[in-house]
Structures are given as C-alpha cells and as structure tokens.
Amino acid sequence: MKAFVVEKISDNEFSSDIVEVSTPKCADNEVVIKVTYSSLNYKDALSSVGNPGVTRKFPHITGIDVAGTVYESTSPIFKIGEKVLVTGYDLGMNTNGGHAQFVKVPAPWVARIPDSITDKEIMTFGTAGLTAALSINELISNGIKPESGDILVTGATGGVGSIAVSIL
C-alpha cells in the first residue's frame, strides 16, 4: 500500500515521502480500515517534521483521523464493509495514521458513520469539527443559549475555532 511516511534521519533531521509499505493485518480485537478520506490537521503538520510533543516513534504514518470501510476485522462488533471513522486516541501520533490506503486500529477506537453523512463530509469536519461540536455541546449542557448573549471564540481563524463560529 502507499502511505505518507515520516522517517527520522538524525536527532534534528526528518524526511517524508509517499512510499510503498506493507498492508497491516489484524491482531486480536482490531480493525483494518480501507481509507477513503483523512483530514489534514495541525498535529499532522507537526508530526511530519518530527515534533517530539506529537510523535516519538519513527518511521511513522501521519493522519490523526480517518474515514473508510472495514476491510478486515477480528472484532465481533465491526463487520467487513461497514462505514467507520476514527478520531482521537493516539492515531497518527505514535500509532500509524490515516494518510495511507489502509490503517489498523484497536476496535474500541472505531465508530460507525451514520448513513446520513458521507465519508467525505465527515472528514471535511474531521477532528477539528468534532472538537468544536463537543465544545458547543458543553456550552448547551451548561445552559448557554443564543439569548444568553455573545460568545467569544478564541482562535477563531484556526480549524476548531472557525468551525465553532460556523456552528454558533
């Protein structure tokens, strides 16, 4: 399979390229996803240059979120062909991520994609969209309503902030 791989050359030098690597195989309670989409997040940019606060294991495949279909599964929960996504956990940081044709993850990391949204749509929002939605959900849970007044969104030009402004 093809994947975007970051390699450590020396303590301060990293290289990255799209290369051919082995397709992952399932171990116990894992899922291999055939990737259809993965977003490009700020953490992916940091990982691609070897930022030690994001990635410590090399060689490494970036991509902190992924959408696709179950290609192989040893989990009783997920069946081949189901539309799924993964966001969060350690994906794309120290576990190979979604910037590949296939990605292997523990089954508990996987969530089904509802039929009402496409893989492309869900990855258009990606991890940033999920984070923004969770933040706004927290505001609602704490009684904040449109009539409560203005809401300040810090970092409104970034991924999470711009989606939060859009939702609000």
N, C-alpha and C. Protein backbone atom coordinates (compact mmCIF):
# COMPACT_ATOMS: atom_id res chain seq x y z
N MET A 1 0.85 -1.18 0.00
CA MET A 1 0.00 0.00 0.00
C MET A 1 0.89 1.24 0.00
N LYS A 2 0.32 2.36 -0.40
CA LYS A 2 1.04 3.63 -0.34
C LYS A 2 0.66 4.36 0.93
N ALA A 3 1.66 5.06 1.50
CA ALA A 3 1.43 5.81 2.74
C ALA A 3 2.39 6.99 2.80
N PHE A 4 1.99 8.03 3.51
CA PHE A 4 2.86 9.18 3.76
C PHE A 4 3.68 8.86 5.01
N VAL A 5 4.95 8.57 4.81
CA VAL A 5 5.81 8.09 5.90
C VAL A 5 6.85 9.15 6.26
N VAL A 6 6.97 9.39 7.56
CA VAL A 6 7.98 10.30 8.10
C VAL A 6 9.06 9.44 8.74
N GLU A 7 10.31 9.70 8.37
CA GLU A 7 11.44 8.94 8.92
C GLU A 7 12.40 9.88 9.62
N LYS A 8 12.99 9.38 10.70
CA LYS A 8 13.99 10.15 11.44
C LYS A 8 15.35 9.81 10.87
N ILE A 9 16.07 10.82 10.40
CA ILE A 9 17.40 10.62 9.81
C ILE A 9 18.48 10.83 10.88
N SER A 10 18.30 11.87 11.69
CA SER A 10 19.20 12.14 12.82
C SER A 10 18.37 12.84 13.89
N ASP A 11 19.00 13.27 14.98
CA ASP A 11 18.26 13.89 16.08
C ASP A 11 17.37 15.04 15.63
N ASN A 12 17.85 15.84 14.68
CA ASN A 12 17.09 17.02 14.26
C ASN A 12 16.70 17.00 12.79
N GLU A 13 16.81 15.87 12.14
CA GLU A 13 16.53 15.81 10.72
C GLU A 13 15.54 14.68 10.41
N PHE A 14 14.52 15.04 9.65
CA PHE A 14 13.46 14.11 9.29
C PHE A 14 13.20 14.22 7.80
N SER A 15 12.77 13.12 7.21
CA SER A 15 12.37 13.15 5.81
C SER A 15 10.98 12.54 5.71
N SER A 16 10.25 12.95 4.68
CA SER A 16 8.91 12.40 4.48
C SER A 16 8.66 12.23 2.99
N ASP A 17 7.89 11.20 2.68
CA ASP A 17 7.58 10.91 1.29
C ASP A 17 6.44 9.90 1.24
N ILE A 18 5.81 9.81 0.10
CA ILE A 18 4.82 8.76 -0.12
C ILE A 18 5.59 7.53 -0.60
N VAL A 19 5.48 6.45 0.17
CA VAL A 19 6.25 5.24 -0.12
C VAL A 19 5.34 4.01 -0.06
N GLU A 20 5.86 2.92 -0.56
CA GLU A 20 5.17 1.63 -0.51
C GLU A 20 5.54 0.95 0.81
N VAL A 21 4.53 0.54 1.57
CA VAL A 21 4.73 -0.19 2.83
C VAL A 21 3.78 -1.38 2.87
N SER A 22 3.99 -2.28 3.80
CA SER A 22 3.13 -3.46 3.93
C SER A 22 1.74 -3.08 4.42
N THR A 23 0.74 -3.73 3.88
CA THR A 23 -0.64 -3.54 4.35
C THR A 23 -0.75 -4.19 5.72
N PRO A 24 -1.32 -3.47 6.70
CA PRO A 24 -1.41 -4.04 8.05
C PRO A 24 -2.39 -5.22 8.11
N LYS A 25 -2.16 -6.10 9.07
CA LYS A 25 -3.02 -7.27 9.31
C LYS A 25 -3.59 -7.17 10.72
N CYS A 26 -4.80 -7.66 10.87
CA CYS A 26 -5.47 -7.62 12.17
C CYS A 26 -4.84 -8.58 13.18
N ALA A 27 -4.69 -8.09 14.38
CA ALA A 27 -4.41 -8.94 15.53
C ALA A 27 -5.73 -9.02 16.31
N ASP A 28 -5.68 -9.48 17.53
CA ASP A 28 -6.88 -9.66 18.35
C ASP A 28 -7.63 -8.35 18.58
N ASN A 29 -8.93 -8.34 18.33
CA ASN A 29 -9.82 -7.20 18.56
C ASN A 29 -9.34 -5.93 17.86
N GLU A 30 -8.93 -6.08 16.61
CA GLU A 30 -8.50 -4.95 15.80
C GLU A 30 -9.33 -4.87 14.52
N VAL A 31 -9.24 -3.71 13.89
CA VAL A 31 -9.93 -3.46 12.63
C VAL A 31 -8.95 -2.84 11.65
N VAL A 32 -8.95 -3.34 10.41
CA VAL A 32 -8.21 -2.69 9.34
C VAL A 32 -9.24 -1.96 8.49
N ILE A 33 -9.00 -0.66 8.30
CA ILE A 33 -9.91 0.20 7.56
C ILE A 33 -9.30 0.52 6.20
N LYS A 34 -10.10 0.35 5.16
CA LYS A 34 -9.69 0.82 3.83
C LYS A 34 -10.03 2.31 3.80
N VAL A 35 -9.00 3.13 3.74
CA VAL A 35 -9.16 4.58 3.88
C VAL A 35 -9.80 5.18 2.63
N THR A 36 -10.83 6.00 2.86
CA THR A 36 -11.38 6.79 1.76
C THR A 36 -11.00 8.27 1.93
N TYR A 37 -10.97 8.75 3.19
CA TYR A 37 -10.60 10.14 3.47
C TYR A 37 -9.91 10.25 4.82
N SER A 38 -8.99 11.21 4.90
CA SER A 38 -8.38 11.61 6.16
C SER A 38 -8.14 13.10 6.05
N SER A 39 -8.42 13.84 7.10
CA SER A 39 -8.20 15.28 7.03
C SER A 39 -6.72 15.61 7.23
N LEU A 40 -6.38 16.86 7.04
CA LEU A 40 -5.03 17.34 7.32
C LEU A 40 -5.15 18.31 8.48
N ASN A 41 -4.58 17.93 9.61
CA ASN A 41 -4.72 18.67 10.84
C ASN A 41 -3.37 19.28 11.22
N TYR A 42 -3.40 20.27 12.09
CA TYR A 42 -2.17 20.91 12.56
C TYR A 42 -1.22 19.88 13.20
N LYS A 43 -1.78 18.92 13.93
CA LYS A 43 -0.94 17.88 14.52
C LYS A 43 -0.23 17.05 13.45
N ASP A 44 -0.89 16.85 12.29
CA ASP A 44 -0.25 16.13 11.20
C ASP A 44 0.97 16.90 10.70
N ALA A 45 0.83 18.22 10.61
CA ALA A 45 1.96 19.06 10.18
C ALA A 45 3.11 18.95 11.18
N LEU A 46 2.79 18.99 12.46
CA LEU A 46 3.83 18.87 13.50
C LEU A 46 4.50 17.49 13.44
N SER A 47 3.69 16.45 13.28
CA SER A 47 4.22 15.09 13.20
C SER A 47 5.13 14.91 11.99
N SER A 48 4.77 15.56 10.88
CA SER A 48 5.54 15.38 9.64
C SER A 48 6.93 15.99 9.69
N VAL A 49 7.17 16.86 10.68
CA VAL A 49 8.51 17.43 10.84
C VAL A 49 9.20 16.91 12.10
N GLY A 50 8.62 15.86 12.70
CA GLY A 50 9.25 15.19 13.84
C GLY A 50 9.09 15.86 15.17
N ASN A 51 8.05 16.67 15.36
CA ASN A 51 7.83 17.33 16.64
C ASN A 51 7.70 16.29 17.74
N PRO A 52 8.62 16.31 18.74
CA PRO A 52 8.61 15.27 19.78
C PRO A 52 7.40 15.34 20.71
N GLY A 53 6.69 16.46 20.73
CA GLY A 53 5.48 16.56 21.54
C GLY A 53 4.30 15.85 20.90
N VAL A 54 4.45 15.49 19.62
CA VAL A 54 3.38 14.82 18.89
C VAL A 54 3.76 13.38 18.58
N THR A 55 4.95 13.18 18.03
CA THR A 55 5.37 11.85 17.59
C THR A 55 6.76 11.52 18.10
N ARG A 56 6.90 10.31 18.64
CA ARG A 56 8.20 9.85 19.13
C ARG A 56 8.65 8.55 18.46
N LYS A 57 7.76 7.91 17.69
CA LYS A 57 8.07 6.62 17.06
C LYS A 57 8.22 6.80 15.54
N PHE A 58 9.35 6.41 15.02
CA PHE A 58 9.62 6.53 13.59
C PHE A 58 10.16 5.22 13.06
N PRO A 59 9.98 4.88 11.79
CA PRO A 59 9.17 5.60 10.81
C PRO A 59 7.71 5.62 11.23
N HIS A 60 6.98 6.59 10.67
CA HIS A 60 5.64 6.87 11.15
C HIS A 60 4.74 7.36 10.02
N ILE A 61 3.47 6.95 10.04
CA ILE A 61 2.47 7.42 9.08
C ILE A 61 1.57 8.43 9.79
N THR A 62 1.47 9.64 9.23
CA THR A 62 0.65 10.69 9.83
C THR A 62 -0.84 10.45 9.54
N GLY A 63 -1.69 11.32 10.07
CA GLY A 63 -3.13 11.25 9.83
C GLY A 63 -3.89 10.98 11.10
N ILE A 64 -4.32 12.05 11.82
CA ILE A 64 -4.94 11.86 13.14
C ILE A 64 -6.41 11.49 13.09
N ASP A 65 -6.97 11.43 11.88
CA ASP A 65 -8.34 10.93 11.76
C ASP A 65 -8.50 10.24 10.41
N VAL A 66 -9.53 9.42 10.31
CA VAL A 66 -9.71 8.62 9.10
C VAL A 66 -11.16 8.19 8.97
N ALA A 67 -11.62 8.14 7.72
CA ALA A 67 -12.93 7.56 7.42
C ALA A 67 -12.73 6.53 6.32
N GLY A 68 -13.54 5.49 6.35
CA GLY A 68 -13.42 4.45 5.33
C GLY A 68 -14.36 3.30 5.61
N THR A 69 -14.01 2.14 5.06
CA THR A 69 -14.82 0.95 5.27
C THR A 69 -13.98 -0.14 5.92
N VAL A 70 -14.63 -0.95 6.71
CA VAL A 70 -13.94 -2.06 7.37
C VAL A 70 -13.49 -3.04 6.28
N TYR A 71 -12.19 -3.29 6.25
CA TYR A 71 -11.59 -4.18 5.27
C TYR A 71 -11.33 -5.56 5.88
N GLU A 72 -10.95 -5.55 7.16
CA GLU A 72 -10.68 -6.78 7.91
C GLU A 72 -11.02 -6.50 9.36
N SER A 73 -11.55 -7.49 10.08
CA SER A 73 -11.92 -7.27 11.48
C SER A 73 -11.82 -8.57 12.27
N THR A 74 -11.24 -8.47 13.46
CA THR A 74 -11.26 -9.57 14.40
C THR A 74 -12.15 -9.21 15.59
N SER A 75 -12.93 -8.16 15.42
CA SER A 75 -13.85 -7.69 16.45
C SER A 75 -15.25 -8.23 16.16
N PRO A 76 -15.95 -8.66 17.19
CA PRO A 76 -17.34 -9.10 16.98
C PRO A 76 -18.28 -7.93 16.70
N ILE A 77 -17.81 -6.72 16.89
CA ILE A 77 -18.65 -5.52 16.76
C ILE A 77 -18.68 -4.98 15.33
N PHE A 78 -17.56 -5.08 14.60
CA PHE A 78 -17.46 -4.47 13.28
C PHE A 78 -17.34 -5.53 12.19
N LYS A 79 -18.13 -5.35 11.15
CA LYS A 79 -18.17 -6.29 10.03
C LYS A 79 -17.57 -5.66 8.78
N ILE A 80 -17.00 -6.49 7.92
CA ILE A 80 -16.41 -6.04 6.66
C ILE A 80 -17.46 -5.25 5.87
N GLY A 81 -17.04 -4.12 5.34
CA GLY A 81 -17.90 -3.28 4.51
C GLY A 81 -18.60 -2.14 5.23
N GLU A 82 -18.59 -2.15 6.57
CA GLU A 82 -19.24 -1.06 7.31
C GLU A 82 -18.46 0.24 7.16
N LYS A 83 -19.20 1.36 7.08
CA LYS A 83 -18.59 2.69 7.05
C LYS A 83 -18.20 3.09 8.47
N VAL A 84 -16.93 3.46 8.66
CA VAL A 84 -16.44 3.78 10.01
C VAL A 84 -15.50 4.98 9.98
N LEU A 85 -15.23 5.50 11.17
CA LEU A 85 -14.25 6.55 11.34
C LEU A 85 -13.49 6.36 12.63
N VAL A 86 -12.32 6.98 12.68
CA VAL A 86 -11.51 7.02 13.91
C VAL A 86 -11.00 8.45 14.03
N THR A 87 -11.11 8.99 15.22
CA THR A 87 -10.55 10.30 15.53
C THR A 87 -10.12 10.26 16.99
N GLY A 88 -9.00 10.89 17.28
CA GLY A 88 -8.52 10.92 18.66
C GLY A 88 -7.64 9.73 18.99
N TYR A 89 -7.61 9.39 20.26
CA TYR A 89 -6.72 8.34 20.77
C TYR A 89 -5.29 8.70 20.38
N ASP A 90 -4.52 7.76 19.89
CA ASP A 90 -3.13 8.01 19.52
C ASP A 90 -2.93 7.95 18.01
N LEU A 91 -4.04 7.89 17.27
CA LEU A 91 -3.97 7.74 15.82
C LEU A 91 -3.15 8.88 15.19
N GLY A 92 -2.22 8.51 14.33
CA GLY A 92 -1.43 9.49 13.60
C GLY A 92 -0.38 10.20 14.42
N MET A 93 -0.27 9.84 15.68
CA MET A 93 0.74 10.45 16.52
C MET A 93 1.86 9.43 16.77
N ASN A 94 1.56 8.39 17.52
CA ASN A 94 2.54 7.32 17.73
C ASN A 94 2.03 5.97 17.26
N THR A 95 0.84 5.98 16.69
CA THR A 95 0.25 4.82 16.02
C THR A 95 0.06 5.24 14.57
N ASN A 96 0.42 4.39 13.63
CA ASN A 96 0.28 4.78 12.23
C ASN A 96 -1.13 5.28 11.94
N GLY A 97 -1.20 6.38 11.17
CA GLY A 97 -2.46 7.08 10.97
C GLY A 97 -3.08 6.91 9.60
N GLY A 98 -4.00 7.82 9.31
CA GLY A 98 -4.89 7.74 8.16
C GLY A 98 -4.35 8.20 6.83
N HIS A 99 -3.12 8.68 6.77
CA HIS A 99 -2.55 9.10 5.49
C HIS A 99 -1.93 7.90 4.80
N ALA A 100 -2.77 6.91 4.55
CA ALA A 100 -2.36 5.65 3.92
C ALA A 100 -3.58 5.04 3.26
N GLN A 101 -3.37 3.99 2.50
CA GLN A 101 -4.51 3.32 1.87
C GLN A 101 -5.27 2.44 2.85
N PHE A 102 -4.58 1.95 3.89
CA PHE A 102 -5.19 1.13 4.93
C PHE A 102 -4.61 1.55 6.27
N VAL A 103 -5.40 1.42 7.33
CA VAL A 103 -4.92 1.71 8.69
C VAL A 103 -5.49 0.66 9.63
N LYS A 104 -4.65 0.19 10.56
CA LYS A 104 -5.07 -0.80 11.56
C LYS A 104 -5.17 -0.11 12.91
N VAL A 105 -6.31 -0.36 13.60
CA VAL A 105 -6.53 0.26 14.91
C VAL A 105 -7.22 -0.72 15.85
N PRO A 106 -7.10 -0.48 17.16
CA PRO A 106 -7.89 -1.28 18.10
C PRO A 106 -9.39 -1.03 17.87
N ALA A 107 -10.19 -2.06 17.94
CA ALA A 107 -11.64 -1.93 17.70
C ALA A 107 -12.31 -0.87 18.58
N PRO A 108 -11.93 -0.70 19.85
CA PRO A 108 -12.60 0.33 20.66
C PRO A 108 -12.41 1.76 20.14
N TRP A 109 -11.44 2.00 19.26
CA TRP A 109 -11.23 3.33 18.70
C TRP A 109 -12.21 3.65 17.57
N VAL A 110 -12.89 2.65 17.05
CA VAL A 110 -13.68 2.78 15.82
C VAL A 110 -15.13 3.16 16.15
N ALA A 111 -15.70 4.03 15.30
CA ALA A 111 -17.13 4.39 15.40
C ALA A 111 -17.76 4.27 14.02
N ARG A 112 -19.02 3.87 13.99
CA ARG A 112 -19.73 3.78 12.71
C ARG A 112 -20.10 5.17 12.22
N ILE A 113 -20.11 5.34 10.91
CA ILE A 113 -20.55 6.58 10.29
C ILE A 113 -22.03 6.42 9.95
N PRO A 114 -22.87 7.34 10.42
CA PRO A 114 -24.30 7.24 10.08
C PRO A 114 -24.52 7.35 8.57
N ASP A 115 -25.57 6.70 8.08
CA ASP A 115 -25.89 6.75 6.65
C ASP A 115 -26.19 8.17 6.17
N SER A 116 -26.55 9.05 7.10
CA SER A 116 -26.94 10.42 6.73
C SER A 116 -25.77 11.32 6.36
N ILE A 117 -24.53 10.83 6.50
CA ILE A 117 -23.35 11.65 6.17
C ILE A 117 -22.35 10.78 5.41
N THR A 118 -21.67 11.38 4.45
CA THR A 118 -20.69 10.63 3.67
C THR A 118 -19.32 10.67 4.35
N ASP A 119 -18.45 9.79 3.92
CA ASP A 119 -17.07 9.78 4.43
C ASP A 119 -16.42 11.13 4.18
N LYS A 120 -16.62 11.65 2.99
CA LYS A 120 -16.02 12.93 2.61
C LYS A 120 -16.53 14.06 3.51
N GLU A 121 -17.84 14.09 3.74
CA GLU A 121 -18.41 15.14 4.59
C GLU A 121 -17.86 15.06 6.01
N ILE A 122 -17.79 13.85 6.55
CA ILE A 122 -17.33 13.71 7.93
C ILE A 122 -15.86 14.11 8.08
N MET A 123 -15.05 13.83 7.06
CA MET A 123 -13.64 14.22 7.12
C MET A 123 -13.42 15.67 6.72
N THR A 124 -14.42 16.29 6.09
CA THR A 124 -14.34 17.74 5.85
C THR A 124 -14.31 18.45 7.20
N PHE A 125 -15.07 17.94 8.14
CA PHE A 125 -15.06 18.49 9.50
C PHE A 125 -13.91 17.91 10.32
N GLY A 126 -13.67 16.62 10.21
CA GLY A 126 -12.54 15.97 10.87
C GLY A 126 -12.50 16.17 12.37
N THR A 127 -11.32 16.00 12.92
CA THR A 127 -11.11 16.14 14.36
C THR A 127 -11.42 17.55 14.84
N ALA A 128 -11.11 18.54 14.03
CA ALA A 128 -11.41 19.93 14.40
C ALA A 128 -12.91 20.13 14.56
N GLY A 129 -13.68 19.58 13.63
CA GLY A 129 -15.13 19.71 13.71
C GLY A 129 -15.71 19.00 14.92
N LEU A 130 -15.19 17.81 15.21
CA LEU A 130 -15.65 17.07 16.38
C LEU A 130 -15.33 17.85 17.65
N THR A 131 -14.14 18.40 17.74
CA THR A 131 -13.74 19.18 18.91
C THR A 131 -14.63 20.41 19.07
N ALA A 132 -14.91 21.10 17.98
CA ALA A 132 -15.79 22.28 18.04
C ALA A 132 -17.19 21.87 18.50
N ALA A 133 -17.72 20.80 17.92
CA ALA A 133 -19.06 20.34 18.28
C ALA A 133 -19.14 19.93 19.75
N LEU A 134 -18.11 19.24 20.24
CA LEU A 134 -18.09 18.84 21.65
C LEU A 134 -18.06 20.07 22.55
N SER A 135 -17.30 21.09 22.15
CA SER A 135 -17.22 22.32 22.95
C SER A 135 -18.57 23.01 23.03
N ILE A 136 -19.25 23.10 21.89
CA ILE A 136 -20.56 23.75 21.85
C ILE A 136 -21.59 22.92 22.60
N ASN A 137 -21.48 21.61 22.50
CA ASN A 137 -22.37 20.73 23.27
C ASN A 137 -22.21 21.00 24.77
N GLU A 138 -20.98 21.24 25.19
CA GLU A 138 -20.71 21.54 26.60
C GLU A 138 -21.36 22.86 27.01
N LEU A 139 -21.31 23.86 26.13
CA LEU A 139 -21.99 25.13 26.42
C LEU A 139 -23.49 24.90 26.61
N ILE A 140 -24.08 24.14 25.69
CA ILE A 140 -25.52 23.85 25.76
C ILE A 140 -25.85 23.09 27.04
N SER A 141 -25.00 22.11 27.39
CA SER A 141 -25.22 21.33 28.63
C SER A 141 -25.17 22.19 29.87
N ASN A 142 -24.47 23.32 29.78
CA ASN A 142 -24.36 24.23 30.92
C ASN A 142 -25.34 25.39 30.83
N GLY A 143 -26.36 25.24 30.00
CA GLY A 143 -27.44 26.22 29.97
C GLY A 143 -27.21 27.44 29.09
N ILE A 144 -26.16 27.48 28.34
CA ILE A 144 -25.91 28.62 27.45
C ILE A 144 -26.83 28.51 26.24
N LYS A 145 -27.55 29.60 25.96
CA LYS A 145 -28.50 29.65 24.84
C LYS A 145 -28.18 30.88 23.99
N PRO A 146 -28.69 30.94 22.76
CA PRO A 146 -28.45 32.12 21.94
C PRO A 146 -28.84 33.43 22.64
N GLU A 147 -29.91 33.41 23.40
CA GLU A 147 -30.34 34.62 24.09
C GLU A 147 -29.47 34.95 25.31
N SER A 148 -28.52 34.06 25.65
CA SER A 148 -27.62 34.31 26.78
C SER A 148 -26.62 35.42 26.47
N GLY A 149 -26.45 35.75 25.20
CA GLY A 149 -25.53 36.83 24.84
C GLY A 149 -24.42 36.34 23.93
N ASP A 150 -23.48 37.23 23.70
CA ASP A 150 -22.36 36.93 22.80
C ASP A 150 -21.45 35.87 23.40
N ILE A 151 -20.81 35.12 22.53
CA ILE A 151 -19.83 34.12 22.93
C ILE A 151 -18.52 34.45 22.23
N LEU A 152 -17.45 34.53 23.00
CA LEU A 152 -16.13 34.80 22.44
C LEU A 152 -15.48 33.46 22.06
N VAL A 153 -15.04 33.35 20.83
CA VAL A 153 -14.33 32.16 20.37
C VAL A 153 -12.88 32.57 20.14
N THR A 154 -11.99 32.08 21.00
CA THR A 154 -10.58 32.38 20.79
C THR A 154 -10.03 31.46 19.71
N GLY A 155 -9.08 31.94 18.95
CA GLY A 155 -8.52 31.13 17.86
C GLY A 155 -9.53 30.92 16.75
N ALA A 156 -10.36 31.93 16.49
CA ALA A 156 -11.47 31.78 15.54
C ALA A 156 -11.03 31.60 14.10
N THR A 157 -9.75 31.79 13.81
CA THR A 157 -9.29 31.59 12.42
C THR A 157 -8.67 30.21 12.23
N GLY A 158 -8.52 29.45 13.30
CA GLY A 158 -7.98 28.09 13.21
C GLY A 158 -9.08 27.10 12.87
N GLY A 159 -8.71 25.84 12.79
CA GLY A 159 -9.66 24.78 12.44
C GLY A 159 -10.82 24.67 13.41
N VAL A 160 -10.53 24.47 14.69
CA VAL A 160 -11.58 24.30 15.69
C VAL A 160 -12.39 25.59 15.83
N GLY A 161 -11.70 26.71 15.95
CA GLY A 161 -12.37 28.00 16.14
C GLY A 161 -13.28 28.39 14.99
N SER A 162 -12.82 28.20 13.76
CA SER A 162 -13.64 28.61 12.61
C SER A 162 -14.88 27.72 12.49
N ILE A 163 -14.76 26.45 12.81
CA ILE A 163 -15.95 25.58 12.78
C ILE A 163 -16.88 25.93 13.93
N ALA A 164 -16.32 26.27 15.11
CA ALA A 164 -17.16 26.68 16.24
C ALA A 164 -17.96 27.92 15.90
N VAL A 165 -17.31 28.91 15.27
CA VAL A 165 -18.02 30.12 14.87
C VAL A 165 -19.13 29.77 13.88
N SER A 166 -18.85 28.90 12.96
CA SER A 166 -19.83 28.49 11.96
C SER A 166 -21.03 27.81 12.61
N ILE A 167 -20.79 26.93 13.57
CA ILE A 167 -21.88 26.23 14.27
C ILE A 167 -22.70 27.22 15.11
N LEU A 168 -21.98 28.10 15.82
CA LEU A 168 -22.68 29.05 16.68
C LEU A 168 -23.51 30.02 15.86
